[in-house]
N, C-alpha and C. Protein backbone atom coordinates (compact mmCIF):
# COMPACT_ATOMS: atom_id res chain seq x y z
N MET A 1 40.41 -28.52 -7.72
CA MET A 1 39.33 -28.50 -6.91
C MET A 1 38.84 -29.55 -7.13
N LEU A 2 38.73 -30.94 -5.95
CA LEU A 2 37.99 -32.23 -6.08
C LEU A 2 36.42 -31.88 -5.56
N LYS A 3 35.55 -32.47 -6.12
CA LYS A 3 34.63 -32.37 -5.86
C LYS A 3 33.72 -34.34 -5.69
N SER A 4 33.74 -34.05 -4.27
CA SER A 4 33.09 -35.90 -3.78
C SER A 4 32.03 -35.74 -4.50
N LEU A 5 31.86 -37.41 -4.93
CA LEU A 5 30.22 -37.18 -5.55
C LEU A 5 29.48 -38.47 -4.77
N ALA A 6 28.40 -37.59 -4.48
CA ALA A 6 27.46 -38.34 -3.25
C ALA A 6 27.16 -39.64 -4.07
N LEU A 7 27.23 -41.25 -3.28
CA LEU A 7 26.16 -41.77 -4.08
C LEU A 7 24.62 -41.98 -3.88
N PRO A 8 23.81 -42.23 -4.44
CA PRO A 8 23.02 -42.43 -3.99
C PRO A 8 22.29 -43.21 -2.98
N ALA A 9 22.29 -43.18 -1.80
CA ALA A 9 21.71 -44.16 -0.82
C ALA A 9 20.67 -45.73 -1.12
N LYS A 10 21.28 -46.55 -1.45
CA LYS A 10 20.23 -47.63 -1.64
C LYS A 10 19.25 -47.44 -1.03
N ARG A 11 17.93 -47.89 -1.49
CA ARG A 11 16.29 -46.97 -1.53
C ARG A 11 15.98 -49.15 -1.15
N ARG A 12 15.18 -49.27 0.06
CA ARG A 12 14.77 -50.55 0.75
C ARG A 12 13.49 -50.47 0.11
N ARG A 13 12.93 -51.63 0.00
CA ARG A 13 11.66 -51.54 -0.52
C ARG A 13 11.17 -52.19 1.25
N GLY A 14 9.67 -51.84 0.99
CA GLY A 14 8.34 -52.99 1.48
C GLY A 14 8.40 -51.93 2.97
N ASN A 15 7.91 -52.48 3.59
CA ASN A 15 7.30 -51.69 5.34
C ASN A 15 8.53 -52.18 5.22
N PRO A 16 9.15 -50.91 6.81
CA PRO A 16 9.87 -51.48 8.31
C PRO A 16 9.08 -52.15 8.94
N ASN A 17 7.98 -51.61 9.25
CA ASN A 17 7.28 -51.90 10.78
C ASN A 17 6.51 -53.43 10.22
N TRP A 18 7.15 -53.87 9.51
CA TRP A 18 6.04 -55.21 8.90
C TRP A 18 6.32 -55.96 9.90
N GLY A 19 5.04 -56.74 10.70
CA GLY A 19 5.53 -58.05 11.59
C GLY A 19 5.38 -57.66 12.83
N GLN A 20 5.05 -55.84 13.07
CA GLN A 20 5.16 -55.22 14.67
C GLN A 20 3.57 -55.05 14.87
N PRO A 21 3.53 -54.83 16.11
CA PRO A 21 2.26 -54.82 16.73
C PRO A 21 2.05 -53.36 16.29
N PRO A 22 0.35 -52.89 15.68
CA PRO A 22 -0.02 -51.46 15.39
C PRO A 22 -0.13 -50.98 16.71
N LEU A 23 0.06 -49.55 16.20
CA LEU A 23 -0.06 -48.60 17.56
C LEU A 23 -1.20 -48.47 18.31
N PRO A 24 -1.45 -48.43 18.85
CA PRO A 24 -3.20 -48.01 19.80
C PRO A 24 -3.82 -46.78 19.05
N LEU A 25 -5.25 -46.94 18.86
CA LEU A 25 -5.54 -45.79 18.66
C LEU A 25 -6.24 -45.28 19.63
N ARG A 26 -6.28 -43.47 19.44
CA ARG A 26 -6.44 -42.93 20.48
C ARG A 26 -8.18 -42.71 19.67
N ALA A 27 -8.82 -42.32 20.97
CA ALA A 27 -10.43 -42.09 21.03
C ALA A 27 -10.04 -40.97 21.24
N LEU A 28 -11.39 -40.40 20.09
CA LEU A 28 -11.33 -38.45 19.53
C LEU A 28 -12.24 -38.26 20.35
N PRO A 29 -12.50 -37.36 20.93
CA PRO A 29 -13.92 -36.59 22.30
C PRO A 29 -14.79 -36.54 20.94
N THR A 30 -16.11 -36.62 21.61
CA THR A 30 -17.10 -36.52 20.65
C THR A 30 -17.32 -34.98 21.00
N GLU A 31 -18.32 -34.68 20.20
CA GLU A 31 -18.67 -33.19 19.48
C GLU A 31 -19.40 -32.57 21.26
N PHE A 32 -19.84 -33.45 22.06
CA PHE A 32 -21.01 -33.19 22.79
C PHE A 32 -19.79 -32.80 24.13
N GLU A 33 -18.21 -33.75 23.97
CA GLU A 33 -17.90 -33.40 25.07
C GLU A 33 -16.86 -32.71 24.42
N ILE A 34 -16.74 -31.92 23.44
CA ILE A 34 -16.00 -30.67 23.16
C ILE A 34 -16.57 -29.74 24.07
N LEU A 35 -18.07 -29.94 23.68
CA LEU A 35 -19.15 -28.37 24.37
C LEU A 35 -18.96 -28.15 25.40
N VAL A 36 -18.72 -29.02 26.51
CA VAL A 36 -18.81 -29.30 27.91
C VAL A 36 -17.71 -29.22 27.87
N LYS A 37 -17.26 -29.25 27.65
CA LYS A 37 -14.79 -28.59 28.07
C LYS A 37 -14.95 -27.14 28.12
N ARG A 38 -15.68 -26.76 26.68
CA ARG A 38 -15.65 -25.08 26.16
C ARG A 38 -16.61 -24.47 26.97
N LEU A 39 -17.77 -24.94 27.10
CA LEU A 39 -18.93 -24.74 28.27
C LEU A 39 -18.14 -25.16 30.25
N GLY A 40 -16.99 -25.76 30.17
CA GLY A 40 -16.54 -25.47 31.52
C GLY A 40 -17.90 -26.28 32.33
N LEU A 41 -18.05 -27.35 32.80
CA LEU A 41 -19.42 -27.96 32.61
C LEU A 41 -19.28 -29.75 33.75
N THR A 42 -19.57 -29.15 34.89
CA THR A 42 -19.17 -30.63 35.14
C THR A 42 -20.49 -30.98 35.44
N LYS A 43 -20.44 -32.86 35.20
CA LYS A 43 -21.94 -33.88 35.40
C LYS A 43 -22.38 -33.36 35.89
N PRO A 44 -22.71 -32.99 36.62
CA PRO A 44 -23.95 -32.64 37.58
C PRO A 44 -24.85 -30.83 37.12
N GLU A 45 -23.70 -30.45 36.76
CA GLU A 45 -24.25 -29.22 36.00
C GLU A 45 -24.47 -29.16 34.35
N TYR A 46 -24.59 -30.61 33.87
CA TYR A 46 -25.43 -30.82 32.51
C TYR A 46 -26.71 -30.24 32.69
N VAL A 47 -27.49 -30.53 33.59
CA VAL A 47 -28.49 -31.06 33.33
C VAL A 47 -29.21 -28.74 33.74
N SER A 48 -28.34 -28.55 33.88
CA SER A 48 -29.23 -27.25 34.24
C SER A 48 -28.82 -25.92 33.97
N SER A 49 -27.80 -26.60 32.86
CA SER A 49 -27.29 -25.39 32.25
C SER A 49 -28.05 -25.26 30.31
N PRO A 50 -28.32 -23.97 30.20
CA PRO A 50 -28.93 -23.92 28.93
C PRO A 50 -29.30 -23.52 28.06
N GLU A 51 -27.39 -23.38 27.98
CA GLU A 51 -26.93 -23.26 26.13
C GLU A 51 -26.68 -24.61 26.49
N LEU A 52 -26.43 -25.46 27.00
CA LEU A 52 -26.64 -27.56 26.38
C LEU A 52 -27.49 -27.59 25.93
N LYS A 53 -28.55 -26.67 26.56
CA LYS A 53 -29.61 -27.86 26.28
C LYS A 53 -30.08 -27.01 25.54
N ARG A 54 -30.56 -26.18 24.99
CA ARG A 54 -30.43 -25.57 23.56
C ARG A 54 -29.71 -25.84 22.59
N TRP A 55 -28.36 -26.65 22.72
CA TRP A 55 -27.64 -27.04 21.72
C TRP A 55 -28.01 -29.14 21.68
N CYS A 56 -28.02 -29.54 22.83
CA CYS A 56 -29.11 -30.88 22.34
C CYS A 56 -29.79 -30.87 21.34
N GLU A 57 -31.25 -30.52 21.81
CA GLU A 57 -32.18 -29.95 21.43
C GLU A 57 -32.59 -29.55 19.74
N HIS A 58 -31.09 -28.68 19.74
CA HIS A 58 -30.60 -28.25 17.94
C HIS A 58 -30.56 -29.87 17.15
N ASN A 59 -29.62 -30.57 17.90
CA ASN A 59 -28.58 -31.57 17.24
C ASN A 59 -29.06 -32.98 18.12
N ARG A 60 -29.98 -33.53 18.19
CA ARG A 60 -29.84 -34.62 18.69
C ARG A 60 -30.35 -35.86 17.80
N ASN A 61 -30.24 -35.37 16.69
CA ASN A 61 -30.11 -36.58 15.92
C ASN A 61 -29.81 -36.52 15.26
N ARG A 62 -28.34 -34.96 15.05
CA ARG A 62 -27.45 -35.66 14.30
C ARG A 62 -26.02 -35.99 14.82
N VAL A 63 -24.96 -36.35 16.63
CA VAL A 63 -24.08 -36.61 17.33
C VAL A 63 -24.89 -36.97 18.47
N TYR A 64 -23.81 -37.34 19.26
CA TYR A 64 -24.09 -38.55 20.11
C TYR A 64 -24.70 -37.89 21.49
N VAL A 65 -25.58 -37.49 21.89
CA VAL A 65 -25.95 -37.16 23.15
C VAL A 65 -26.44 -37.89 24.47
N PRO A 66 -26.46 -37.85 25.25
CA PRO A 66 -25.65 -38.88 26.05
C PRO A 66 -27.32 -39.16 26.72
N GLU A 67 -28.17 -40.46 26.75
CA GLU A 67 -29.29 -40.74 27.17
C GLU A 67 -30.12 -40.82 28.02
N TRP A 68 -29.36 -40.74 29.29
CA TRP A 68 -29.87 -40.58 30.54
C TRP A 68 -29.90 -38.55 30.30
N LEU A 69 -29.35 -37.68 29.52
CA LEU A 69 -29.96 -36.59 29.23
C LEU A 69 -30.86 -36.21 28.82
N LEU A 70 -31.38 -36.62 27.50
CA LEU A 70 -31.81 -36.81 26.86
C LEU A 70 -33.44 -37.16 27.76
N GLU A 71 -33.63 -37.72 28.91
CA GLU A 71 -35.16 -38.52 29.58
C GLU A 71 -34.95 -37.77 30.31
N VAL A 72 -33.97 -37.03 30.96
CA VAL A 72 -33.97 -35.90 31.64
C VAL A 72 -35.00 -34.76 31.42
N TRP A 73 -34.59 -34.37 30.36
CA TRP A 73 -35.37 -33.31 29.15
C TRP A 73 -36.62 -33.73 28.77
N GLY A 74 -36.94 -34.40 28.85
CA GLY A 74 -37.82 -35.20 28.41
C GLY A 74 -37.45 -34.31 26.47
N ILE A 75 -36.64 -35.01 25.69
CA ILE A 75 -36.18 -35.14 24.55
C ILE A 75 -36.44 -36.10 23.85
N GLN A 76 -37.05 -36.20 22.78
CA GLN A 76 -37.07 -37.61 21.86
C GLN A 76 -36.79 -37.08 20.17
N VAL A 77 -35.36 -38.68 21.09
CA VAL A 77 -35.10 -37.88 19.21
C VAL A 77 -35.51 -39.22 18.26
N GLU A 78 -35.50 -38.69 16.98
CA GLU A 78 -36.40 -39.63 15.80
C GLU A 78 -36.13 -40.63 15.74
N ALA A 79 -36.89 -42.09 15.40
CA ALA A 79 -36.34 -43.05 15.57
C ALA A 79 -35.90 -42.72 14.06
N ILE A 80 -36.20 -42.69 12.38
CA ILE A 80 -34.83 -42.80 11.19
C ILE A 80 -34.86 -42.21 11.38
N PHE A 81 -33.49 -40.72 12.56
CA PHE A 81 -31.84 -41.08 12.52
C PHE A 81 -31.60 -41.67 13.26
N SER A 82 -31.73 -42.76 14.55
CA SER A 82 -31.44 -43.52 15.28
C SER A 82 -31.38 -44.47 14.81
N GLY A 83 -31.53 -45.59 13.70
CA GLY A 83 -30.79 -46.49 13.33
C GLY A 83 -31.52 -47.66 13.93
N VAL A 84 -32.74 -47.42 13.93
CA VAL A 84 -33.53 -48.28 14.84
C VAL A 84 -34.75 -48.66 13.91
N ALA A 85 -35.40 -48.18 13.37
CA ALA A 85 -35.76 -48.26 11.71
C ALA A 85 -35.69 -48.85 11.30
């Protein structure tokens, strides 16, 4: 019985995609957008949501919260965390 010998394929070197335009990057949702989707809120419902307000008060210096929403609720962001100072 004869066994066939499989020769290793010749290994190509380098990046086969060299010179090709890069693939477009997708924007990932922010934590705020993830929470709004989980709560099932529409934009007009943001202001009346106590859960969203509590979350925004707790995370205002850590993650993105829309400025217009902070103004409506009267929430101040500490300048030391915003990169302004």
